[in-house]
Amino acid sequence: MIFKLWSPWLLFWVSCTAQKSPPPEFVGPVCDKPTCTRRVINVKMYIEDSLWDRMAREARGNPTELIGKQMDTIFSRVNKHLKNLDNGGFKVDFARDVVKLNRSEIVLEDTYVDRINSNKTTKVDPTNIFSHTFTFQEAVQKLPDRHSTDLRILFIPEKGPDPTLATSEETCICNPEWFGCIAVFSIRFLDNWGHTRLCLPMRLATPWVWTCMTTSSTPATLRAGFSCGAYIWSPEAKRRINNQDNSCLAKDVPSSSIVFPDD
């Protein structure tokens, strides 16, 4: 796994071409607060138009139910591992709310500011995941209610020769002054969106911190996160997530329970 970091914008992406490093030893979650409650990451899902159309052909009609089943499979596994984070952990809540991109509130432009290429104004390239990422993010940033959802995720078909499979913005959770809080995932197999599920929890955590267990040559300070093959969060990833302000996230409590304010 390889994450690349470009200061000062801190955008992360994943490719699956490098050798995996040995996983850290599993350490269970801890609670260092008077009470620890799981936090909910409210997510809205968008499906790129050509991917939606391909799924519609598979479903022989409206693909919402078919896509919803793929999401259920993915995020049931994701939530299992997000629960292993400290102080109650986290869960993704998307309520099967999926929408075709061109039928959504998102309005894409024909150009974008390429933050990994000296902020050059660049024409959209539909075969490039970074083009999808920046165009989608800029559209999200223009929404009047951009902070009504914790994270917006765009699913696209895997395209082009670039091995990059996913991108996401760092430290955007509960950080309204930062860039738009988004992630982009590429789909290889129409009948198995979870083929990269081993890395999904790590990718979803990048809105907090650098969280990928990289190659053995990566400096220890950056070898901070999640072993995709072993579902293990490293101590450094947990520390960084614990140090983030997650207070804007709703608490996962039964409706009849009393919710106490954060300390």
C-alpha atoms as a PDB file:
ATOM      1  CA  MET A   1       0.000   0.000   0.000  1.00  0.00           C
ATOM      2  CA  ILE A   2       1.264   3.466  -0.816  1.00  0.00           C
ATOM      3  CA  PHE A   3      -0.062   6.760   0.395  1.00  0.00           C
ATOM      4  CA  LYS A   4       1.427   9.922  -1.073  1.00  0.00           C
ATOM      5  CA  LEU A   5       1.379  13.245   0.737  1.00  0.00           C
ATOM      6  CA  TRP A   6       1.652  16.654  -0.882  1.00  0.00           C
ATOM      7  CA  SER A   7       1.995  19.599   1.499  1.00  0.00           C
ATOM      8  CA  PRO A   8       0.255  21.796   2.289  1.00  0.00           C
ATOM      9  CA  TRP A   9      -2.964  20.241   0.969  1.00  0.00           C
ATOM     10  CA  LEU A  10      -2.805  16.816   2.580  1.00  0.00           C
ATOM     11  CA  LEU A  11      -4.762  14.788   0.076  1.00  0.00           C
ATOM     12  CA  PHE A  12      -4.291  11.023   0.334  1.00  0.00           C
ATOM     13  CA  TRP A  13      -4.658   8.218  -2.122  1.00  0.00           C
ATOM     14  CA  VAL A  14      -4.175   4.470  -2.229  1.00  0.00           C
ATOM     15  CA  SER A  15      -2.732   2.091  -4.750  1.00  0.00           C
ATOM     16  CA  CYS A  16      -2.271  -1.639  -4.390  1.00  0.00           C
ATOM     17  CA  THR A  17       1.052  -2.251  -6.109  1.00  0.00           C
ATOM     18  CA  ALA A  18       3.584  -2.177  -3.271  1.00  0.00           C
ATOM     19  CA  GLN A  19       4.646  -4.898  -0.860  1.00  0.00           C
ATOM     20  CA  LYS A  20       2.663  -4.985   2.375  1.00  0.00           C
ATOM     21  CA  SER A  21       4.522  -4.510   5.649  1.00  0.00           C
ATOM     22  CA  PRO A  22       3.986  -6.900   8.570  1.00  0.00           C
ATOM     23  CA  PRO A  23       0.909  -5.982  10.613  1.00  0.00           C
ATOM     24  CA  PRO A  24       1.265  -4.640  14.142  1.00  0.00           C
ATOM     25  CA  GLU A  25       0.056  -6.733  17.064  1.00  0.00           C
ATOM     26  CA  PHE A  26      -3.646  -6.376  17.721  1.00  0.00           C
ATOM     27  CA  VAL A  27      -4.528  -4.200  20.697  1.00  0.00           C
ATOM     28  CA  GLY A  28      -8.158  -3.927  21.689  1.00  0.00           C
ATOM     29  CA  PRO A  29      -9.948  -0.579  21.998  1.00  0.00           C
ATOM     30  CA  VAL A  30      -9.704   1.351  25.258  1.00  0.00           C
ATOM     31  CA  CYS A  31     -11.904   3.941  26.954  1.00  0.00           C
ATOM     32  CA  ASP A  32     -10.118   6.847  28.614  1.00  0.00           C
ATOM     33  CA  LYS A  33     -13.256   8.923  29.259  1.00  0.00           C
ATOM     34  CA  PRO A  34     -15.984   8.641  31.921  1.00  0.00           C
ATOM     35  CA  THR A  35     -18.284   7.180  29.267  1.00  0.00           C
ATOM     36  CA  CYS A  36     -17.472   6.026  25.764  1.00  0.00           C
ATOM     37  CA  THR A  37     -20.116   5.996  23.048  1.00  0.00           C
ATOM     38  CA  ARG A  38     -19.705   5.015  19.436  1.00  0.00           C
ATOM     39  CA  ARG A  39     -19.716   7.997  17.069  1.00  0.00           C
ATOM     40  CA  VAL A  40     -21.711   7.993  13.830  1.00  0.00           C
ATOM     41  CA  ILE A  41     -20.238   9.188  10.529  1.00  0.00           C
ATOM     42  CA  ASN A  42     -23.178  10.269   8.411  1.00  0.00           C
ATOM     43  CA  VAL A  43     -22.272   9.568   4.804  1.00  0.00           C
ATOM     44  CA  LYS A  44     -23.946  10.377   1.526  1.00  0.00           C
ATOM     45  CA  MET A  45     -23.198   8.176  -1.469  1.00  0.00           C
ATOM     46  CA  TYR A  46     -23.006   9.269  -5.096  1.00  0.00           C
ATOM     47  CA  ILE A  47     -22.637   6.914  -8.044  1.00  0.00           C
ATOM     48  CA  GLU A  48     -20.823   8.151 -11.149  1.00  0.00           C
ATOM     49  CA  ASP A  49     -23.153   8.121 -14.156  1.00  0.00           C
ATOM     50  CA  SER A  50     -21.505   5.397 -16.236  1.00  0.00           C
ATOM     51  CA  LEU A  51     -21.200   3.125 -13.191  1.00  0.00           C
ATOM     52  CA  TRP A  52     -24.878   3.666 -12.396  1.00  0.00           C
ATOM     53  CA  ASP A  53     -25.822   2.849 -15.997  1.00  0.00           C
ATOM     54  CA  ARG A  54     -23.773  -0.343 -15.970  1.00  0.00           C
ATOM     55  CA  MET A  55     -25.427  -1.407 -12.713  1.00  0.00           C
ATOM     56  CA  ALA A  56     -28.829  -0.594 -14.243  1.00  0.00           C
ATOM     57  CA  ARG A  57     -28.084  -3.028 -17.052  1.00  0.00           C
ATOM     58  CA  GLU A  58     -27.117  -5.655 -14.486  1.00  0.00           C
ATOM     59  CA  ALA A  59     -30.352  -5.018 -12.580  1.00  0.00           C
ATOM     60  CA  ARG A  60     -32.421  -4.751 -15.767  1.00  0.00           C
ATOM     61  CA  GLY A  61     -33.953  -1.595 -14.381  1.00  0.00           C
ATOM     62  CA  ASN A  62     -33.463   0.726 -11.428  1.00  0.00           C
ATOM     63  CA  PRO A  63     -30.189  -0.360  -9.761  1.00  0.00           C
ATOM     64  CA  THR A  64     -30.866   1.271  -6.376  1.00  0.00           C
ATOM     65  CA  GLU A  65     -31.648  -2.019  -4.618  1.00  0.00           C
ATOM     66  CA  LEU A  66     -28.691  -3.813  -6.199  1.00  0.00           C
ATOM     67  CA  ILE A  67     -26.294  -1.013  -5.250  1.00  0.00           C
ATOM     68  CA  GLY A  68     -27.804  -0.894  -1.760  1.00  0.00           C
ATOM     69  CA  LYS A  69     -26.997  -4.574  -1.238  1.00  0.00           C
ATOM     70  CA  GLN A  70     -23.390  -3.978  -2.278  1.00  0.00           C
ATOM     71  CA  MET A  71     -23.207  -1.076   0.193  1.00  0.00           C
ATOM     72  CA  ASP A  72     -24.697  -3.204   2.976  1.00  0.00           C
ATOM     73  CA  THR A  73     -21.999  -5.820   2.472  1.00  0.00           C
ATOM     74  CA  ILE A  74     -19.187  -3.282   2.342  1.00  0.00           C
ATOM     75  CA  PHE A  75     -20.169  -1.205   5.337  1.00  0.00           C
ATOM     76  CA  SER A  76     -21.177  -4.032   7.630  1.00  0.00           C
ATOM     77  CA  ARG A  77     -17.546  -5.132   7.385  1.00  0.00           C
ATOM     78  CA  VAL A  78     -16.211  -1.593   7.577  1.00  0.00           C
ATOM     79  CA  ASN A  79     -18.177  -0.875  10.754  1.00  0.00           C
ATOM     80  CA  LYS A  80     -16.857  -4.024  12.380  1.00  0.00           C
ATOM     81  CA  HIS A  81     -13.345  -2.613  12.163  1.00  0.00           C
ATOM     82  CA  LEU A  82     -14.174   1.011  12.883  1.00  0.00           C
ATOM     83  CA  LYS A  83     -15.615  -0.306  16.145  1.00  0.00           C
ATOM     84  CA  ASN A  84     -12.094  -1.386  17.132  1.00  0.00           C
ATOM     85  CA  LEU A  85     -11.009   2.238  17.509  1.00  0.00           C
ATOM     86  CA  ASP A  86     -10.762   3.717  21.005  1.00  0.00           C
ATOM     87  CA  ASN A  87     -13.390   5.538  23.084  1.00  0.00           C
ATOM     88  CA  GLY A  88     -16.351   3.723  21.593  1.00  0.00           C
ATOM     89  CA  GLY A  89     -15.162   3.651  18.007  1.00  0.00           C
ATOM     90  CA  PHE A  90     -17.171   4.754  14.984  1.00  0.00           C
ATOM     91  CA  LYS A  91     -19.776   3.523  12.524  1.00  0.00           C
ATOM     92  CA  VAL A  92     -20.808   4.611   9.045  1.00  0.00           C
ATOM     93  CA  ASP A  93     -24.479   5.416   8.568  1.00  0.00           C
ATOM     94  CA  PHE A  94     -25.656   5.862   5.001  1.00  0.00           C
ATOM     95  CA  ALA A  95     -29.285   4.687   5.288  1.00  0.00           C
ATOM     96  CA  ARG A  96     -29.032   3.192   1.781  1.00  0.00           C
ATOM     97  CA  ASP A  97     -29.136   6.739   0.425  1.00  0.00           C
ATOM     98  CA  VAL A  98     -27.510   6.353  -2.986  1.00  0.00           C
ATOM     99  CA  VAL A  99     -28.023   8.677  -5.930  1.00  0.00           C
ATOM    100  CA  LYS A 100     -26.855   8.927  -9.524  1.00  0.00           C
ATOM    101  CA  LEU A 101     -24.411  11.798  -9.737  1.00  0.00           C
ATOM    102  CA  ASN A 102     -26.161  13.783 -12.465  1.00  0.00           C
ATOM    103  CA  ARG A 103     -29.464  13.567 -10.577  1.00  0.00           C
ATOM    104  CA  SER A 104     -27.962  14.936  -7.370  1.00  0.00           C
ATOM    105  CA  GLU A 105     -27.328  18.426  -6.046  1.00  0.00           C
ATOM    106  CA  ILE A 106     -23.703  18.145  -7.199  1.00  0.00           C
ATOM    107  CA  VAL A 107     -22.874  20.345 -10.199  1.00  0.00           C
ATOM    108  CA  LEU A 108     -19.542  19.477 -11.799  1.00  0.00           C
ATOM    109  CA  GLU A 109     -17.444  21.966 -13.725  1.00  0.00           C
ATOM    110  CA  ASP A 110     -15.391  21.308 -16.865  1.00  0.00           C
ATOM    111  CA  THR A 111     -12.140  22.331 -15.164  1.00  0.00           C
ATOM    112  CA  TYR A 112     -10.649  22.087 -11.690  1.00  0.00           C
ATOM    113  CA  VAL A 113      -7.708  23.380  -9.680  1.00  0.00           C
ATOM    114  CA  ASP A 114      -5.117  20.612  -9.632  1.00  0.00           C
ATOM    115  CA  ARG A 115      -3.755  20.765  -6.084  1.00  0.00           C
ATOM    116  CA  ILE A 116      -1.061  18.168  -6.803  1.00  0.00           C
ATOM    117  CA  ASN A 117       0.215  20.065  -9.842  1.00  0.00           C
ATOM    118  CA  SER A 118       0.986  23.597  -8.635  1.00  0.00           C
ATOM    119  CA  ASN A 119      -2.694  24.571  -8.481  1.00  0.00           C
ATOM    120  CA  LYS A 120      -2.957  24.656 -12.256  1.00  0.00           C
ATOM    121  CA  THR A 121      -6.401  24.987 -13.792  1.00  0.00           C
ATOM    122  CA  THR A 122      -6.881  21.658 -15.553  1.00  0.00           C
ATOM    123  CA  LYS A 123      -9.470  20.251 -17.926  1.00  0.00           C
ATOM    124  CA  VAL A 124     -11.482  17.339 -16.576  1.00  0.00           C
ATOM    125  CA  ASP A 125     -10.189  13.896 -17.551  1.00  0.00           C
ATOM    126  CA  PRO A 126     -12.843  11.193 -16.960  1.00  0.00           C
ATOM    127  CA  THR A 127     -10.167   8.464 -16.915  1.00  0.00           C
ATOM    128  CA  ASN A 128      -8.231  10.061 -14.036  1.00  0.00           C
ATOM    129  CA  ILE A 129      -9.293   9.467 -10.420  1.00  0.00           C
ATOM    130  CA  PHE A 130      -7.648  12.714  -9.269  1.00  0.00           C
ATOM    131  CA  SER A 131      -9.691  14.624 -11.833  1.00  0.00           C
ATOM    132  CA  HIS A 132     -12.832  13.024 -10.377  1.00  0.00           C
ATOM    133  CA  THR A 133     -11.626  13.823  -6.864  1.00  0.00           C
ATOM    134  CA  PHE A 134     -10.922  17.527  -7.278  1.00  0.00           C
ATOM    135  CA  THR A 135     -13.946  18.177  -9.498  1.00  0.00           C
ATOM    136  CA  PHE A 136     -16.231  16.426  -7.013  1.00  0.00           C
ATOM    137  CA  GLN A 137     -14.640  18.178  -4.041  1.00  0.00           C
ATOM    138  CA  GLU A 138     -14.934  21.634  -5.577  1.00  0.00           C
ATOM    139  CA  ALA A 139     -18.625  20.989  -6.286  1.00  0.00           C
ATOM    140  CA  VAL A 140     -19.180  19.853  -2.695  1.00  0.00           C
ATOM    141  CA  GLN A 141     -17.472  22.981  -1.385  1.00  0.00           C
ATOM    142  CA  LYS A 142     -19.994  25.133  -3.247  1.00  0.00           C
ATOM    143  CA  LEU A 143     -23.025  23.482  -1.623  1.00  0.00           C
ATOM    144  CA  PRO A 144     -24.858  25.807   0.763  1.00  0.00           C
ATOM    145  CA  ASP A 145     -25.366  22.872   3.148  1.00  0.00           C
ATOM    146  CA  ARG A 146     -21.983  21.212   2.645  1.00  0.00           C
ATOM    147  CA  HIS A 147     -21.665  20.531   6.394  1.00  0.00           C
ATOM    148  CA  SER A 148     -25.043  18.808   6.714  1.00  0.00           C
ATOM    149  CA  THR A 149     -23.286  15.506   5.971  1.00  0.00           C
ATOM    150  CA  ASP A 150     -20.052  14.413   7.623  1.00  0.00           C
ATOM    151  CA  LEU A 151     -18.592  12.767   4.526  1.00  0.00           C
ATOM    152  CA  ARG A 152     -19.573  12.475   0.875  1.00  0.00           C
ATOM    153  CA  ILE A 153     -18.338   9.481  -1.125  1.00  0.00           C
ATOM    154  CA  LEU A 154     -18.233   9.161  -4.896  1.00  0.00           C
ATOM    155  CA  PHE A 155     -18.028   5.683  -6.437  1.00  0.00           C
ATOM    156  CA  ILE A 156     -16.558   5.512  -9.941  1.00  0.00           C
ATOM    157  CA  PRO A 157     -15.648   2.615 -12.248  1.00  0.00           C
ATOM    158  CA  GLU A 158     -11.970   1.749 -12.245  1.00  0.00           C
ATOM    159  CA  LYS A 159     -10.456   3.493 -15.256  1.00  0.00           C
ATOM    160  CA  GLY A 160      -7.147   4.107 -16.960  1.00  0.00           C
ATOM    161  CA  PRO A 161      -3.658   2.753 -16.248  1.00  0.00           C
ATOM    162  CA  ASP A 162      -3.207   4.525 -12.879  1.00  0.00           C
ATOM    163  CA  PRO A 163      -3.084   1.946 -10.040  1.00  0.00           C
ATOM    164  CA  THR A 164      -4.671   4.406  -7.608  1.00  0.00           C
ATOM    165  CA  LEU A 165      -7.893   2.942  -6.233  1.00  0.00           C
ATOM    166  CA  ALA A 166      -9.111   5.592  -3.811  1.00  0.00           C
ATOM    167  CA  THR A 167      -8.565   9.148  -2.647  1.00  0.00           C
ATOM    168  CA  SER A 168      -9.749  11.133   0.365  1.00  0.00           C
ATOM    169  CA  GLU A 169      -9.205  14.457   2.103  1.00  0.00           C
ATOM    170  CA  GLU A 170      -7.263  14.436   5.360  1.00  0.00           C
ATOM    171  CA  THR A 171      -8.383  15.991   8.681  1.00  0.00           C
ATOM    172  CA  CYS A 172     -11.716  17.179   7.300  1.00  0.00           C
ATOM    173  CA  ILE A 173     -13.993  15.460   9.827  1.00  0.00           C
ATOM    174  CA  CYS A 174     -15.363  18.128  12.213  1.00  0.00           C
ATOM    175  CA  ASN A 175     -13.156  20.692  10.483  1.00  0.00           C
ATOM    176  CA  PRO A 176     -15.517  23.085   8.646  1.00  0.00           C
ATOM    177  CA  GLU A 177     -12.750  25.505   7.664  1.00  0.00           C
ATOM    178  CA  TRP A 178     -10.912  22.823   5.685  1.00  0.00           C
ATOM    179  CA  PHE A 179     -11.445  21.527   2.161  1.00  0.00           C
ATOM    180  CA  GLY A 180     -14.610  19.579   1.375  1.00  0.00           C
ATOM    181  CA  CYS A 181     -14.833  16.284   3.225  1.00  0.00           C
ATOM    182  CA  ILE A 182     -14.948  13.710   0.443  1.00  0.00           C
ATOM    183  CA  ALA A 183     -13.640  10.342  -0.646  1.00  0.00           C
ATOM    184  CA  VAL A 184     -13.580   8.656  -4.057  1.00  0.00           C
ATOM    185  CA  PHE A 185     -13.549   4.859  -4.464  1.00  0.00           C
ATOM    186  CA  SER A 186     -13.093   2.979  -7.735  1.00  0.00           C
ATOM    187  CA  ILE A 187     -15.041  -0.204  -8.481  1.00  0.00           C
ATOM    188  CA  ARG A 188     -13.490  -3.033 -10.476  1.00  0.00           C
ATOM    189  CA  PHE A 189     -16.159  -5.754 -10.393  1.00  0.00           C
ATOM    190  CA  LEU A 190     -19.838  -4.908 -10.782  1.00  0.00           C
ATOM    191  CA  ASP A 191     -20.928  -7.975  -8.818  1.00  0.00           C
ATOM    192  CA  ASN A 192     -18.411  -7.502  -5.993  1.00  0.00           C
ATOM    193  CA  TRP A 193     -17.897  -3.923  -4.868  1.00  0.00           C
ATOM    194  CA  GLY A 194     -16.287  -5.286  -1.731  1.00  0.00           C
ATOM    195  CA  HIS A 195     -13.263  -6.702  -3.542  1.00  0.00           C
ATOM    196  CA  THR A 196     -11.206  -3.943  -1.900  1.00  0.00           C
ATOM    197  CA  ARG A 197     -13.063  -4.121   1.412  1.00  0.00           C
ATOM    198  CA  LEU A 198      -9.809  -4.954   3.242  1.00  0.00           C
ATOM    199  CA  CYS A 199      -8.731  -1.346   2.722  1.00  0.00           C
ATOM    200  CA  LEU A 200     -12.056   0.424   3.084  1.00  0.00           C
ATOM    201  CA  PRO A 201     -11.857   1.053   6.846  1.00  0.00           C
ATOM    202  CA  MET A 202      -8.409   2.577   6.391  1.00  0.00           C
ATOM    203  CA  ARG A 203      -9.579   4.778   3.535  1.00  0.00           C
ATOM    204  CA  LEU A 204     -12.584   5.959   5.487  1.00  0.00           C
ATOM    205  CA  ALA A 205     -10.281   6.916   8.336  1.00  0.00           C
ATOM    206  CA  THR A 206      -8.152   9.212   6.203  1.00  0.00           C
ATOM    207  CA  PRO A 207     -10.549  12.108   6.791  1.00  0.00           C
ATOM    208  CA  TRP A 208      -8.986  12.006  10.263  1.00  0.00           C
ATOM    209  CA  VAL A 209      -5.340  11.101   9.805  1.00  0.00           C
ATOM    210  CA  TRP A 210      -2.655   9.314   7.820  1.00  0.00           C
ATOM    211  CA  THR A 211      -3.752   5.768   8.456  1.00  0.00           C
ATOM    212  CA  CYS A 212      -2.177   3.289   6.094  1.00  0.00           C
ATOM    213  CA  MET A 213       0.434   0.724   7.025  1.00  0.00           C
ATOM    214  CA  THR A 214       2.897   1.292   4.192  1.00  0.00           C
ATOM    215  CA  THR A 215       6.047  -0.497   3.032  1.00  0.00           C
ATOM    216  CA  SER A 216       8.856  -1.317   5.430  1.00  0.00           C
ATOM    217  CA  SER A 217      10.947   1.505   3.964  1.00  0.00           C
ATOM    218  CA  THR A 218       8.395   4.083   5.081  1.00  0.00           C
ATOM    219  CA  PRO A 219       9.566   6.145   8.087  1.00  0.00           C
ATOM    220  CA  ALA A 220       8.077   4.937  11.361  1.00  0.00           C
ATOM    221  CA  THR A 221       6.298   8.245  11.891  1.00  0.00           C
ATOM    222  CA  LEU A 222       4.318   7.637   8.710  1.00  0.00           C
ATOM    223  CA  ARG A 223       3.833   3.891   9.162  1.00  0.00           C
ATOM    224  CA  ALA A 224       0.826   4.810  11.192  1.00  0.00           C
ATOM    225  CA  GLY A 225      -2.295   2.992  10.468  1.00  0.00           C
ATOM    226  CA  PHE A 226      -4.092   0.009   9.184  1.00  0.00           C
ATOM    227  CA  SER A 227      -2.811  -3.301   7.904  1.00  0.00           C
ATOM    228  CA  CYS A 228      -5.235  -4.059   5.101  1.00  0.00           C
ATOM    229  CA  GLY A 229      -4.574  -7.777   5.297  1.00  0.00           C
ATOM    230  CA  ALA A 230      -5.010  -8.123   9.042  1.00  0.00           C
ATOM    231  CA  TYR A 231      -7.606  -5.504   9.969  1.00  0.00           C
ATOM    232  CA  ILE A 232      -5.347  -4.012  12.628  1.00  0.00           C
ATOM    233  CA  TRP A 233      -5.100  -0.366  13.615  1.00  0.00           C
ATOM    234  CA  SER A 234      -1.644   0.692  14.686  1.00  0.00           C
ATOM    235  CA  PRO A 235      -1.097   2.558  17.980  1.00  0.00           C
ATOM    236  CA  GLU A 236      -0.027   5.666  16.052  1.00  0.00           C
ATOM    237  CA  ALA A 237      -3.219   5.723  13.970  1.00  0.00           C
ATOM    238  CA  LYS A 238      -5.312   5.350  17.120  1.00  0.00           C
ATOM    239  CA  ARG A 239      -3.378   8.132  18.814  1.00  0.00           C
ATOM    240  CA  ARG A 240      -3.932  10.545  15.937  1.00  0.00           C
ATOM    241  CA  ILE A 241      -7.626   9.730  15.645  1.00  0.00           C
ATOM    242  CA  ASN A 242      -8.020  10.125  19.412  1.00  0.00           C
ATOM    243  CA  ASN A 243      -6.384  13.560  19.207  1.00  0.00           C
ATOM    244  CA  GLN A 244      -8.805  14.767  16.530  1.00  0.00           C
ATOM    245  CA  ASP A 245     -11.894  16.719  17.515  1.00  0.00           C
ATOM    246  CA  ASN A 246     -14.731  14.303  16.736  1.00  0.00           C
ATOM    247  CA  SER A 247     -17.308  16.107  18.854  1.00  0.00           C
ATOM    248  CA  CYS A 248     -19.435  17.101  15.845  1.00  0.00           C
ATOM    249  CA  LEU A 249     -20.256  13.452  15.155  1.00  0.00           C
ATOM    250  CA  ALA A 250     -23.536  12.177  16.534  1.00  0.00           C
ATOM    251  CA  LYS A 251     -23.516   9.557  19.276  1.00  0.00           C
ATOM    252  CA  ASP A 252     -24.851   6.103  18.488  1.00  0.00           C
ATOM    253  CA  VAL A 253     -27.368   5.723  21.306  1.00  0.00           C
ATOM    254  CA  PRO A 254     -30.917   4.293  21.473  1.00  0.00           C
ATOM    255  CA  SER A 255     -33.625   6.910  21.030  1.00  0.00           C
ATOM    256  CA  SER A 256     -34.843   6.331  24.604  1.00  0.00           C
ATOM    257  CA  SER A 257     -31.416   6.984  26.123  1.00  0.00           C
ATOM    258  CA  ILE A 258     -30.279  10.217  27.752  1.00  0.00           C
ATOM    259  CA  VAL A 259     -27.407  11.814  25.829  1.00  0.00           C
ATOM    260  CA  PHE A 260     -24.948  13.696  27.994  1.00  0.00           C
ATOM    261  CA  PRO A 261     -22.866  16.560  26.523  1.00  0.00           C
ATOM    262  CA  ASP A 262     -19.180  16.026  25.880  1.00  0.00           C
ATOM    263  CA  ASP A 263     -16.731  17.039  28.570  1.00  0.00           C
END
